[in-house]
Protein backbone atom coordinates (compact mmCIF):
# COMPACT_ATOMS: atom_id res chain seq x y z
CA MET A 1 -117.09 81.86 208.21
CA LYS A 2 -119.61 82.55 210.97
CA ASN A 3 -122.42 80.95 208.95
CA ASN A 4 -120.29 77.90 208.26
CA TRP A 5 -119.68 77.53 212.00
CA ILE A 6 -123.41 77.69 212.76
CA ILE A 7 -124.13 75.04 210.13
CA LEU A 8 -121.40 72.79 211.54
CA MET A 9 -122.81 73.02 215.06
CA MET A 10 -126.24 72.09 213.71
CA LEU A 11 -124.76 69.08 211.94
CA LEU A 12 -122.78 67.74 214.92
CA PRO A 13 -125.65 65.58 216.30
CA VAL A 14 -126.20 64.16 212.79
CA ILE A 15 -122.52 63.33 212.43
CA ALA A 16 -122.42 61.66 215.87
CA ALA A 17 -125.60 59.68 215.14
CA ALA A 18 -124.08 58.47 211.88
CA GLN A 19 -121.00 57.28 213.76
CA LYS A 20 -123.22 55.40 216.16
CA SER A 21 -125.24 53.65 213.45
CA ASN A 22 -122.06 52.73 211.61
CA GLN A 23 -121.10 50.55 214.56
CA ASP A 24 -123.92 48.24 213.45
CA TYR A 25 -124.70 47.13 217.00
CA PRO A 26 -128.19 45.71 217.61
CA GLN A 27 -130.57 48.30 219.04
CA GLY A 28 -132.99 47.14 221.73
CA TYR A 29 -131.66 43.57 221.85
CA PHE A 30 -130.42 43.99 225.43
CA ARG A 31 -132.59 45.23 228.30
CA ASN A 32 -131.58 47.25 231.34
CA PRO A 33 -130.24 44.59 233.77
CA LEU A 34 -131.90 46.38 236.72
CA ASP A 35 -135.49 47.36 237.48
CA ILE A 36 -134.59 51.01 238.01
CA PRO A 37 -133.63 53.67 235.43
CA ILE A 38 -129.99 53.65 234.38
CA LEU A 39 -128.03 56.28 236.28
CA LEU A 40 -124.29 56.08 235.74
CA ALA A 41 -121.41 56.28 238.18
CA GLY A 42 -119.02 55.44 235.30
CA ASN A 43 -119.15 54.63 231.60
CA PHE A 44 -117.12 53.01 228.85
CA GLY A 45 -113.67 54.46 228.11
CA GLU A 46 -113.40 56.37 231.37
CA CYS A 47 -109.79 56.76 232.49
CA ARG A 48 -108.82 54.56 235.43
CA GLY A 49 -105.46 53.67 236.97
CA GLY A 50 -103.71 51.38 234.47
CA HIS A 51 -106.81 50.69 232.36
CA PHE A 52 -109.82 52.04 230.53
CA HIS A 53 -113.15 51.42 232.20
CA SER A 54 -114.72 48.60 230.23
CA GLY A 55 -118.46 48.97 230.81
CA LEU A 56 -121.20 50.83 232.62
CA ASP A 57 -121.23 51.35 236.38
CA ILE A 58 -124.96 51.53 237.07
CA LYS A 59 -125.99 53.08 240.37
CA THR A 60 -128.17 50.98 242.70
CA GLU A 61 -129.62 53.82 244.77
CA GLY A 62 -126.83 53.51 247.34
CA VAL A 63 -127.94 50.04 248.49
CA GLU A 64 -127.06 46.43 247.78
CA ASN A 65 -129.18 43.43 246.76
CA LYS A 66 -131.09 44.96 243.89
CA LYS A 67 -132.39 42.26 241.56
CA VAL A 68 -130.14 41.74 238.51
CA HIS A 69 -131.71 40.30 235.37
CA ALA A 70 -130.38 38.65 232.22
CA ALA A 71 -130.07 41.36 229.56
CA ALA A 72 -131.09 38.90 226.80
CA ASP A 73 -131.63 35.20 226.09
CA GLY A 74 -128.54 33.02 226.41
CA TYR A 75 -126.76 30.82 228.92
CA ILE A 76 -124.54 31.45 231.92
CA SER A 77 -121.09 30.59 230.59
CA ARG A 78 -118.83 31.57 233.47
CA ILE A 79 -118.85 32.31 237.20
CA LYS A 80 -115.78 34.01 238.66
CA MET A 81 -115.09 34.89 242.30
CA ASP A 82 -112.21 37.25 243.08
CA LYS A 83 -111.02 39.27 246.08
CA GLY A 84 -110.44 42.32 243.85
CA GLY A 85 -111.40 43.33 240.35
CA PHE A 86 -114.93 42.26 239.51
CA GLY A 87 -115.50 40.46 242.82
CA HIS A 88 -118.47 38.15 242.31
CA ALA A 89 -119.03 38.08 238.54
CA LEU A 90 -121.30 36.24 236.16
CA TYR A 91 -121.10 35.98 232.36
CA ILE A 92 -123.93 35.24 229.90
CA THR A 93 -123.22 34.18 226.31
CA HIS A 94 -125.86 35.21 223.76
CA ALA A 95 -126.70 33.73 220.37
CA ASN A 96 -126.00 36.96 218.48
CA GLY A 97 -122.25 36.88 219.13
CA TYR A 98 -122.11 38.95 222.30
CA THR A 99 -121.40 38.16 225.96
CA THR A 100 -122.66 40.23 228.88
CA LEU A 101 -120.85 40.54 232.21
CA TYR A 102 -122.43 41.42 235.56
CA ALA A 103 -119.94 42.26 238.34
CA HIS A 104 -119.53 43.34 242.00
CA LEU A 105 -122.50 41.10 242.82
CA ASN A 106 -123.54 39.63 246.14
CA ASP A 107 -125.34 36.29 245.87
CA PHE A 108 -126.48 34.70 242.64
CA ALA A 109 -129.97 33.34 241.95
CA PRO A 110 -130.65 30.34 244.26
CA ALA A 111 -129.87 27.52 241.81
CA ILE A 112 -126.66 29.22 240.65
CA GLN A 113 -125.61 30.00 244.22
CA LYS A 114 -126.14 26.38 245.27
CA TYR A 115 -123.99 25.14 242.36
CA LEU A 116 -121.23 27.64 243.21
CA ARG A 117 -121.09 26.61 246.87
CA ARG A 118 -120.88 22.93 245.95
CA GLU A 119 -117.92 23.64 243.64
CA GLN A 120 -116.17 25.76 246.26
CA TYR A 121 -116.44 23.06 248.91
CA GLU A 122 -115.31 20.33 246.54
CA LYS A 123 -112.26 22.39 245.54
CA LYS A 124 -111.72 23.81 249.07
CA LYS A 125 -111.25 27.17 247.39
CA TRP A 126 -113.53 30.21 247.42
CA ASP A 127 -111.92 32.25 244.57
CA VAL A 128 -112.96 29.94 241.74
CA ASP A 129 -113.31 30.50 238.00
CA LEU A 130 -115.97 28.13 236.68
CA PRO A 131 -116.71 27.61 232.96
CA LEU A 132 -120.23 26.35 232.24
CA THR A 133 -121.90 24.55 229.34
CA PRO A 134 -124.97 25.85 227.43
CA THR A 135 -127.23 23.29 229.07
CA GLN A 136 -126.38 23.95 232.73
CA PHE A 137 -128.01 27.36 233.23
CA PRO A 138 -129.91 28.62 230.16
CA VAL A 139 -131.65 31.96 230.76
CA LYS A 140 -134.33 34.06 229.15
CA LYS A 141 -134.29 37.83 228.83
CA GLY A 142 -135.40 39.24 232.18
CA ASP A 143 -134.67 36.16 234.28
CA LEU A 144 -133.34 36.82 237.78
CA ILE A 145 -129.65 35.89 237.82
CA ALA A 146 -128.15 37.67 240.85
CA TYR A 147 -128.32 40.46 243.40
CA SER A 148 -126.23 43.62 243.16
CA GLY A 149 -123.49 44.26 245.68
CA ASN A 150 -120.17 45.93 246.45
CA THR A 151 -117.67 43.08 246.11
CA GLY A 152 -114.18 43.04 244.61
CA GLY A 153 -112.58 46.35 243.73
CA SER A 154 -115.83 48.26 244.20
CA THR A 155 -115.88 51.27 246.51
CA ALA A 156 -119.66 51.80 246.65
CA PRO A 157 -122.74 49.71 245.80
CA HIS A 158 -123.33 49.49 242.03
CA LEU A 159 -123.60 47.05 239.14
CA HIS A 160 -120.75 46.85 236.62
CA PHE A 161 -122.25 45.81 233.28
CA GLU A 162 -120.34 44.97 230.09
CA ILE A 163 -121.13 43.86 226.55
CA ARG A 164 -118.29 41.97 224.86
CA ASN A 165 -117.65 40.56 221.44
CA SER A 166 -117.77 36.82 222.23
CA LYS A 167 -115.14 35.97 219.61
CA THR A 168 -112.50 38.58 220.46
CA GLU A 169 -113.61 39.05 224.11
CA HIS A 170 -113.16 42.79 223.59
CA PRO A 171 -115.48 44.98 225.68
CA LEU A 172 -117.63 47.28 223.55
CA ASN A 173 -119.32 50.56 224.42
CA PRO A 174 -122.72 49.54 225.87
CA GLN A 175 -124.18 52.98 225.21
CA LEU A 176 -124.08 52.21 221.48
CA PHE A 177 -126.67 49.42 221.94
CA GLY A 178 -129.71 51.63 222.43
CA PHE A 179 -130.23 51.71 226.21
CA ALA A 180 -132.57 54.40 227.49
CA ILE A 181 -130.26 56.79 229.33
CA THR A 182 -131.31 60.38 229.99
CA ASP A 183 -128.35 62.66 229.30
CA ARG A 184 -128.66 66.23 228.07
CA VAL A 185 -125.36 67.47 229.53
CA PRO A 186 -122.51 68.05 227.02
CA PRO A 187 -118.85 67.41 227.92
CA LYS A 188 -117.24 70.13 230.02
CA PRO A 189 -113.59 70.80 229.12
CA LYS A 190 -111.34 72.36 231.74
CA GLU A 191 -107.87 72.72 230.22
CA VAL A 192 -105.93 72.35 226.98
CA TYR A 193 -102.33 71.07 227.00
CA PHE A 194 -99.53 71.45 224.43
CA TYR A 195 -96.74 68.89 223.99
CA ASN A 196 -93.72 70.27 222.18
CA ARG A 197 -92.24 67.08 220.73
CA PHE A 198 -89.26 69.01 219.43
CA ILE A 199 -86.41 67.83 217.23
CA GLU A 200 -82.94 67.40 218.81
CA THR A 201 -84.21 66.77 222.32
CA TRP A 202 -80.71 65.68 223.28
CA PRO A 203 -77.86 67.55 221.56
CA GLY A 204 -76.23 65.61 218.78
CA LYS A 205 -78.93 62.91 218.79
CA ALA A 206 -82.05 63.39 216.69
CA SER A 207 -84.92 62.45 218.93
CA SER A 208 -88.12 63.70 220.51
CA SER A 209 -90.14 62.77 223.57
CA VAL A 210 -93.09 63.81 225.74
CA TYR A 211 -91.12 62.56 228.73
CA VAL A 212 -88.68 65.50 228.77
CA GLY A 213 -89.83 68.88 230.00
CA THR A 214 -93.35 69.78 231.05
CA PRO A 215 -96.30 70.68 228.83
CA GLU A 216 -97.74 74.16 228.45
CA TRP A 217 -101.43 74.55 229.29
CA PHE A 218 -104.29 76.98 229.62
CA ALA A 219 -107.73 76.85 231.25
CA VAL A 220 -110.95 77.32 229.27
CA SER A 221 -114.42 78.60 230.04
CA LYS A 222 -117.69 78.77 228.13
CA LYS A 223 -118.16 81.91 226.02
CA ALA A 224 -121.25 81.99 223.79
CA SER A 225 -121.27 78.81 221.69
CA ALA A 226 -117.78 77.48 222.52
CA TYR A 227 -115.10 77.18 225.18
CA LYS A 228 -112.21 79.63 224.86
CA PRO A 229 -109.01 80.52 226.76
CA ALA A 230 -109.79 82.03 230.14
CA GLY A 231 -108.22 82.41 233.55
CA GLU A 232 -105.05 80.50 234.40
CA TYR A 233 -102.30 79.38 232.05
CA SER A 234 -98.69 78.17 232.29
CA ARG A 235 -95.77 80.58 232.38
CA GLY A 236 -94.48 79.57 228.95
CA LEU A 237 -97.56 80.91 227.20
CA ALA A 238 -98.73 84.38 226.32
CA ILE A 239 -102.46 84.83 225.71
CA ARG A 240 -104.22 87.76 224.12
CA ASN A 241 -107.91 87.39 223.47
CA ASP A 242 -108.28 83.97 221.78
CA THR A 243 -104.69 83.75 220.51
CA ILE A 244 -102.07 81.58 222.22
CA SER A 245 -98.41 82.47 221.69
CA LEU A 246 -96.77 79.09 221.96
CA PRO A 247 -93.00 78.62 222.21
CA VAL A 248 -91.80 76.07 219.66
CA PHE A 249 -88.34 74.90 218.78
CA ARG A 250 -86.73 75.40 215.40
CA GLN A 251 -88.03 72.98 212.74
CA SER A 252 -90.65 71.68 215.16
CA GLU A 253 -93.44 69.74 213.47
CA ASN A 254 -94.45 67.62 216.42
CA ILE A 255 -96.87 69.67 218.49
CA GLY A 256 -99.40 67.48 220.27
CA ILE A 257 -102.60 68.61 221.97
CA GLY A 258 -104.32 67.07 225.00
CA VAL A 259 -107.55 67.91 226.81
CA ASN A 260 -108.56 67.67 230.44
CA VAL A 261 -112.32 67.20 230.20
CA ASP A 262 -115.17 65.74 232.22
CA ASP A 263 -118.61 64.65 231.11
CA TYR A 264 -121.76 64.33 233.24
CA MET A 265 -125.32 63.10 232.87
CA ASP A 266 -128.66 64.23 234.25
CA GLY A 267 -129.20 63.33 237.89
CA SER A 268 -125.62 62.32 238.72
CA GLU A 269 -122.57 64.16 240.03
CA ASN A 270 -120.18 61.42 238.89
CA THR A 271 -117.79 62.23 236.07
CA ILE A 272 -117.97 60.04 232.97
CA ALA A 273 -116.12 59.90 229.64
CA PHE A 274 -116.85 61.58 226.32
CA TYR A 275 -117.41 59.38 223.26
CA THR A 276 -115.54 61.21 220.46
CA ALA A 277 -112.97 63.99 220.25
CA ARG A 278 -112.13 65.61 216.90
CA LEU A 279 -109.15 67.92 216.37
CA PHE A 280 -109.16 70.44 213.50
CA MET A 281 -106.43 72.84 212.36
CA ASP A 282 -107.52 75.53 209.92
CA ASP A 283 -110.82 73.65 209.43
CA SER A 284 -108.97 70.49 208.36
CA LEU A 285 -109.66 67.38 210.45
CA ARG A 286 -106.34 66.07 211.79
CA THR A 287 -107.41 63.34 214.18
CA GLU A 288 -110.44 61.75 215.78
CA VAL A 289 -110.58 59.69 218.98
CA THR A 290 -113.50 57.27 219.42
CA LEU A 291 -113.91 55.36 222.69
CA ASP A 292 -115.18 51.91 221.75
CA ASN A 293 -113.82 48.35 221.42
CA ILE A 294 -110.84 48.22 223.80
CA GLY A 295 -109.56 44.74 224.65
CA TYR A 296 -108.23 43.69 228.03
CA ASP A 297 -105.01 42.76 226.24
CA GLU A 298 -104.52 46.41 225.24
CA THR A 299 -106.22 48.40 227.99
CA ARG A 300 -102.91 49.27 229.67
CA TYR A 301 -102.14 51.48 226.68
CA ILE A 302 -104.14 54.03 228.60
CA ASN A 303 -100.72 55.05 229.96
CA ALA A 304 -99.87 56.15 226.40
CA TYR A 305 -103.30 57.66 225.74
CA VAL A 306 -103.10 60.00 228.74
CA ASP A 307 -100.34 62.31 229.94
CA TYR A 308 -98.94 59.84 232.46
CA ALA A 309 -96.53 62.26 234.15
CA THR A 310 -99.20 64.90 234.74
CA ARG A 311 -101.46 62.21 236.15
CA GLN A 312 -98.72 61.14 238.58
CA ARG A 313 -97.90 64.70 239.61
CA GLU A 314 -101.29 66.39 239.67
CA ARG A 315 -103.90 63.60 239.51
CA LYS A 316 -105.36 65.02 236.28
CA TRP A 317 -106.54 62.92 233.35
CA VAL A 318 -105.22 64.77 230.29
CA GLN A 319 -106.24 62.76 227.22
CA CYS A 320 -103.90 63.03 224.24
CA LEU A 321 -105.36 63.76 220.80
CA PHE A 322 -102.18 62.48 219.18
CA GLN A 323 -100.79 58.95 219.07
CA LEU A 324 -97.37 58.21 220.53
CA PRO A 325 -95.09 55.93 218.47
CA GLY A 326 -95.47 53.02 220.90
CA ASN A 327 -99.24 53.42 221.41
CA MET A 328 -100.94 50.45 219.75
CA LEU A 329 -104.51 51.70 220.20
CA ASP A 330 -104.96 52.16 216.45
CA ARG A 331 -108.73 51.59 216.65
CA LEU A 332 -109.15 54.63 218.91
CA TYR A 333 -107.40 57.05 216.57
CA SER A 334 -108.35 58.08 213.07
CA SER A 335 -105.74 60.53 211.79
CA THR A 336 -104.98 62.22 208.49
CA GLY A 337 -101.45 62.29 207.13
CA SER A 338 -98.42 60.71 208.78
CA GLY A 339 -98.41 62.81 211.94
CA LYS A 340 -100.89 60.66 213.90
CA GLY A 341 -102.56 63.77 215.27
CA ARG A 342 -99.41 65.86 215.69
CA LEU A 343 -99.47 69.35 214.20
CA PHE A 344 -96.93 71.23 212.05
CA LEU A 345 -96.32 74.74 213.36
CA GLY A 346 -92.89 75.30 211.84
CA ASP A 347 -94.20 77.72 209.22
CA GLY A 348 -94.49 80.58 211.69
CA LYS A 349 -98.13 81.27 210.76
CA VAL A 350 -101.13 81.73 213.03
CA HIS A 351 -103.41 78.67 212.94
CA ASN A 352 -107.01 78.16 213.98
CA ILE A 353 -107.53 75.19 216.32
CA ARG A 354 -110.92 73.62 217.03
CA ILE A 355 -111.62 70.63 219.26
CA GLU A 356 -115.09 69.05 219.07
CA LEU A 357 -116.24 66.75 221.89
CA THR A 358 -119.39 64.63 221.84
CA ASP A 359 -120.80 62.20 224.38
CA ASN A 360 -122.76 59.00 223.81
CA ASN A 361 -126.05 60.92 223.60
CA GLN A 362 -124.71 63.25 220.89
CA ASN A 363 -124.41 66.25 223.21
CA ALA A 364 -121.65 68.40 221.68
CA THR A 365 -119.06 70.87 222.93
CA ALA A 366 -116.39 72.83 221.07
CA ILE A 367 -113.11 74.48 222.12
CA THR A 368 -111.77 77.15 219.74
CA PHE A 369 -108.61 79.26 219.78
CA TYR A 370 -105.70 80.42 217.63
CA VAL A 371 -102.04 79.39 217.98
CA ARG A 372 -99.17 81.73 217.12
CA PRO A 373 -95.84 79.79 217.11
CA VAL A 374 -92.94 81.68 218.69
CA GLU A 375 -89.68 80.09 217.64
CA GLN A 376 -86.97 79.22 220.15
CA ILE A 377 -83.44 78.61 218.94
CA SER A 378 -82.67 75.43 220.90
CA PRO A 379 -84.16 73.18 223.55
CA ASP A 380 -83.91 73.95 227.24
CA PRO A 381 -80.16 73.98 228.03
CA VAL A 382 -80.81 71.73 231.05
CA LEU A 383 -81.36 68.90 228.58
CA GLY A 384 -77.80 69.16 227.40
CA LYS A 385 -76.59 68.12 230.85
CA LEU A 386 -78.38 64.77 230.77
CA THR A 387 -76.28 61.62 230.64
CA CYS A 388 -78.41 58.77 229.47
CA ASP A 389 -79.15 56.03 226.98
CA ILE A 390 -81.87 56.96 224.49
CA VAL A 391 -84.33 54.06 224.21
CA ALA A 392 -86.88 54.22 221.40
CA PRO A 393 -90.21 52.38 221.20
CA ARG A 394 -89.90 48.88 219.72
CA CYS A 395 -86.30 48.67 220.94
CA VAL A 396 -84.86 46.40 223.64
CA TYR A 397 -82.89 47.86 226.53
CA ARG A 398 -81.05 45.75 229.09
CA ILE A 399 -78.60 46.09 231.95
CA ASP A 400 -76.77 42.92 232.98
CA ARG A 401 -74.31 43.46 235.81
CA ASP A 402 -73.24 41.33 238.71
CA ASP A 403 -75.40 43.28 241.17
CA VAL A 404 -78.44 44.01 238.96
CA LYS A 405 -80.08 42.59 235.86
CA PHE A 406 -83.22 43.54 233.91
CA GLU A 407 -84.47 43.77 230.35
CA LEU A 408 -87.10 46.11 228.90
CA ASP A 409 -88.47 44.59 225.70
CA GLU A 410 -89.70 46.28 222.53
CA LYS A 411 -93.23 46.87 223.90
CA GLN A 412 -92.28 48.65 227.11
CA PHE A 413 -91.93 52.29 226.02
CA TYR A 414 -94.50 54.44 224.20
CA ASP A 415 -92.09 57.26 223.31
CA ASN A 416 -88.34 57.89 223.33
CA VAL A 417 -86.85 57.70 226.82
CA CYS A 418 -83.58 59.21 227.98
CA PHE A 419 -82.99 56.29 230.35
CA GLN A 420 -80.93 57.03 233.45
CA PHE A 421 -79.69 54.36 235.83
CA SER A 422 -77.87 54.86 239.13
CA VAL A 423 -76.84 52.95 242.27
CA THR A 424 -76.83 54.40 245.80
CA GLU A 425 -75.10 52.92 248.85
CA ASN A 426 -77.69 51.72 251.37
CA GLY A 427 -75.68 51.70 254.60
CA ASN A 428 -76.40 48.53 256.57
CA GLY A 429 -79.13 47.51 254.13
CA LEU A 430 -79.36 44.08 252.56
CA SER A 431 -78.49 45.55 249.15
CA ASP A 432 -77.70 48.87 247.53
CA LYS A 433 -80.55 50.95 246.11
CA PHE A 434 -80.97 50.78 242.35
CA LYS A 435 -82.75 53.63 240.58
CA LEU A 436 -84.34 52.65 237.29
CA HIS A 437 -84.96 55.99 235.61
CA ASP A 438 -88.10 57.94 236.64
CA PRO A 439 -91.44 56.65 238.02
CA GLN A 440 -93.21 59.36 235.99
CA VAL A 441 -92.33 57.41 232.84
CA PRO A 442 -94.62 54.38 232.35
CA VAL A 443 -93.69 50.89 231.22
CA HIS A 444 -96.25 48.69 229.55
CA HIS A 445 -95.99 45.36 231.35
CA TYR A 446 -94.19 43.42 234.04
CA PHE A 447 -90.48 42.66 233.69
CA ASP A 448 -88.02 40.60 235.72
CA LEU A 449 -85.71 42.54 238.01
CA GLU A 450 -82.81 40.74 239.70
CA LEU A 451 -80.80 42.26 242.56
CA ARG A 452 -77.81 40.77 244.36
CA PRO A 453 -77.55 41.23 248.15
CA LYS A 454 -74.36 42.37 249.77
CA PRO A 455 -71.91 39.58 250.68
CA ASN A 456 -72.61 37.58 253.87
CA THR A 457 -75.92 39.31 254.60
CA ILE A 458 -78.27 36.34 254.07
CA THR A 459 -77.80 33.02 255.81
CA GLY A 460 -79.79 29.89 256.58
CA LEU A 461 -83.57 30.20 256.64
CA LEU A 462 -83.43 33.89 255.77
CA LYS A 463 -82.78 32.94 252.15
CA ASN A 464 -86.51 32.36 251.75
CA LYS A 465 -87.52 35.57 253.54
CA VAL A 466 -86.27 38.17 251.08
CA VAL A 467 -88.52 40.89 249.69
CA MET A 468 -87.90 43.46 246.99
CA ALA A 469 -88.85 46.95 248.19
CA TYR A 470 -89.90 49.85 245.95
CA SER A 471 -90.13 53.64 246.19
CA ASP A 472 -91.51 56.13 243.69
CA GLY A 473 -89.57 58.93 245.34
CA LYS A 474 -92.51 59.93 247.53
CA ASP A 475 -93.42 56.80 249.44
CA GLU A 476 -91.87 53.41 250.10
CA ASP A 477 -95.12 51.82 249.04
CA GLY A 478 -94.34 48.44 247.58
CA ARG A 479 -92.81 45.15 248.70
CA MET A 480 -93.03 41.76 247.06
CA ALA A 481 -91.50 38.36 247.62
CA ALA A 482 -88.22 37.76 245.79
CA LEU A 483 -86.99 34.33 244.73
CA THR A 484 -83.32 33.45 244.54
CA GLU A 485 -81.74 32.82 241.16
CA SER A 486 -77.99 32.51 240.53
CA GLY A 487 -77.18 34.43 243.68
CA ARG A 488 -79.55 37.27 242.80
CA TYR A 489 -83.13 37.72 243.97
CA LYS A 490 -85.80 38.16 241.31
CA SER A 491 -89.29 39.70 241.29
CA LYS A 492 -91.68 40.78 238.57
CA VAL A 493 -92.13 44.56 238.66
CA ARG A 494 -94.14 47.03 236.56
CA ASN A 495 -92.91 50.48 237.53
CA LEU A 496 -89.74 52.47 237.15
CA GLY A 497 -88.26 53.88 240.34
CA THR A 498 -85.93 52.74 243.12
CA TYR A 499 -85.63 49.11 244.26
CA TRP A 500 -83.67 47.31 246.99
CA LEU A 501 -83.78 44.12 249.10
CA GLU A 502 -85.04 43.61 252.65
CA ILE A 503 -85.79 40.69 255.00
CA ASP A 504 -89.36 39.81 255.99
CA THR A 505 -89.86 37.51 258.98
CA LEU A 506 -93.07 39.09 260.29
CA ALA A 507 -96.26 37.01 260.10
CA PRO A 508 -99.61 38.58 259.23
CA VAL A 509 -101.59 40.07 262.11
CA ILE A 510 -105.05 38.54 262.56
CA GLU A 511 -107.71 40.46 264.44
CA SER A 512 -110.96 38.73 265.32
CA MET A 513 -114.15 40.71 264.84
CA GLN A 514 -115.77 38.53 267.55
CA ARG A 515 -114.92 38.10 271.20
CA LYS A 516 -113.36 34.77 272.05
CA ASN A 517 -115.61 32.16 273.64
CA SER A 518 -118.56 34.27 272.51
CA ASN A 519 -122.20 33.39 272.03
CA LEU A 520 -123.03 34.06 268.39
CA ALA A 521 -126.68 33.11 268.47
CA GLY A 522 -128.40 35.26 265.86
CA ALA A 523 -125.14 36.22 264.11
CA LYS A 524 -124.90 35.69 260.35
CA GLN A 525 -121.15 35.32 259.93
CA LEU A 526 -117.65 35.12 261.37
CA ALA A 527 -115.15 37.80 260.36
CA PHE A 528 -111.44 38.57 260.75
CA THR A 529 -109.22 41.44 259.66
CA VAL A 530 -105.77 40.39 258.42
CA LYS A 531 -102.91 42.74 257.62
CA ASP A 532 -99.35 42.03 256.59
CA ASN A 533 -96.58 44.48 257.39
CA MET A 534 -94.58 44.00 254.17
CA THR A 535 -96.11 41.94 251.38
CA SER A 536 -99.68 40.59 251.18
CA VAL A 537 -101.74 37.60 252.28
CA ARG A 538 -100.93 34.80 249.83
CA SER A 539 -103.24 32.16 251.27
CA PHE A 540 -105.75 31.68 254.06
CA SER A 541 -108.07 28.99 255.37
CA GLY A 542 -110.72 28.39 257.98
CA TYR A 543 -111.38 24.98 259.54
CA LEU A 544 -114.53 24.51 261.59
CA ASP A 545 -114.35 21.50 263.90
CA GLY A 546 -111.57 20.16 261.68
CA LYS A 547 -113.41 20.67 258.35
CA TRP A 548 -112.80 23.33 255.70
CA VAL A 549 -115.38 26.11 255.46
CA CYS A 550 -115.73 28.79 252.80
CA PHE A 551 -114.08 32.01 253.97
CA GLU A 552 -114.14 34.91 251.52
CA GLN A 553 -111.76 37.85 251.18
CA HIS A 554 -112.73 41.48 250.57
CA GLY A 555 -109.68 43.70 250.96
CA ASP A 556 -108.28 43.10 254.46
CA ASP A 557 -111.52 41.50 255.64
CA PHE A 558 -112.12 37.74 255.69
CA PHE A 559 -115.55 36.36 256.50
CA TYR A 560 -117.51 33.12 256.60
CA ARG A 561 -121.27 33.35 256.26
CA PHE A 562 -122.92 30.63 258.29
CA ASP A 563 -124.32 27.81 256.16
CA GLU A 564 -125.32 24.17 256.59
CA HIS A 565 -121.72 23.34 257.54
CA CYS A 566 -122.17 25.17 260.86
CA PRO A 567 -125.24 23.81 262.72
CA LYS A 568 -126.38 25.20 266.04
CA GLY A 569 -124.22 24.27 269.02
CA LYS A 570 -120.61 24.59 270.24
CA HIS A 571 -117.83 24.98 267.67
CA LYS A 572 -114.12 25.51 267.33
CA LEU A 573 -112.75 27.51 264.42
CA VAL A 574 -109.06 27.71 263.43
CA PHE A 575 -108.27 30.51 260.98
CA THR A 576 -104.81 30.68 259.34
CA ALA A 577 -103.23 33.32 257.08
CA GLU A 578 -99.86 33.16 255.31
CA ASP A 579 -97.95 35.94 253.49
CA GLU A 580 -95.88 35.80 250.30
CA ASN A 581 -92.76 34.70 252.20
CA GLY A 582 -94.41 31.83 254.07
CA ASN A 583 -94.77 33.68 257.36
CA ALA A 584 -97.95 32.28 258.90
CA ALA A 585 -100.26 33.14 261.79
CA SER A 586 -103.29 31.35 263.24
CA THR A 587 -106.07 32.17 265.64
CA THR A 588 -108.62 29.95 267.36
CA LEU A 589 -112.18 30.95 268.12
CA ASN A 590 -114.51 28.93 270.34
CA PHE A 591 -118.11 29.97 269.99
CA VAL A 592 -121.70 28.89 270.39
CA ARG A 593 -124.22 29.29 267.65
């Protein structure tokens, strides 16, 4: 057995290399888009809030305005400007069926920048999305196309780089295309989690769910050639040497395993994602996870791929090596049998578990241990006290009352949910408070929620000033405009938790970053900070001497970089911001340039 293990470890790089070549992606077709070696702050498949990371975050030495080059021949097919997300982004379509994306940029190459500004002024809109034809801006491999930056949802200077399938628009793993990236550091697992998806979760109703109870877990550390149990572990486990005594419920055949693991590369302290994870029981491969080819239409299934509740409670990314019933990421999982990565431990025997992790450079790590199932007669008796409606994946659940209405369609839940709904009196509030189950249970997409205010609480102009407020039980951290419909107020929401109605009559607060009547000779821009007490800034505009000028938004900051529309001399600027409920504020700045 020992010799077989040594042979397997020697073969791991060969196996990983074979997986890479099987992707049949062109090697060497694309060049490094920067003039400096690739050092990663993030890679493909990395877990992010509500999505998988879709490309490479390439470090730019902590500065902006590094030259960005076309990765291959093609044409610029799209320019998109956004206050969040990718910020300033540029797309190049290539003849071999791929599209590359360059994001968080500052300015584009001069000809492209000039075209963009002309379009923005014609449309009187800075956040444009411009499709381009093959003849407008053809490029050759290595051509200067832009300068790196920190725009959009970026928190530090870097270049976000993607390679997409042009036909499906699915982002692919760029590290499978042969870029020179120095990485000799294997993945570093920290913890292993067990999910006891037991039968008869709720007495009298055959069901199972990861959303009831908490998982058992244990920490691991490196011992010789593999990671093994060490240090801390949850109270439900008993550990002796490498053997885990795991409590399981009678007839349980639904044990799932998750891993909390980080990967690193040479020269960087940033955590990145592994490439493959393979789960074996008694030397039989049960499931394999491969992080490649994840479309934007399916990226939110990350909330089924990770342990969502543990992420909400403890900020850990525990990645599940089993596929929940409502998880549609079939391309990520390759499982044997019908269990989709879940393990049968109902035989009472001790089983050998091995988890193999590889990164994109074929660096390999293994976790090994034994599991001894310890049978429990019945589920936690607390479960028997629950009063709820069991909602299964691919089922529709709705509540339609006079005071509240919503519908959760067949795509919303990834596993069975014991859905609990309650209403709490809200004193002098505009409406009662409506609790929609538990914010530690994810839903897949937005749904309409309608709430009715209390009688005689909204009159006249206040009808257009209603917001829907939200709390996850910790913070009251969300408010959005609500539109009236049949006496109820409706908003699109995407979280479970507690909702109620409030009135919003407060305009945004505008703070000038310049002194009024100031001399701005030598300055490069005008800037304002705008904050709204309840919702968000829906629209804004800047008029210089009565003519529209291109203000840009980055978070709460709004700025206009001086251009040919602001010659030297005296000027008057009027800046206006409006929130989601139409509450508006303006400020006037007289200045000399």
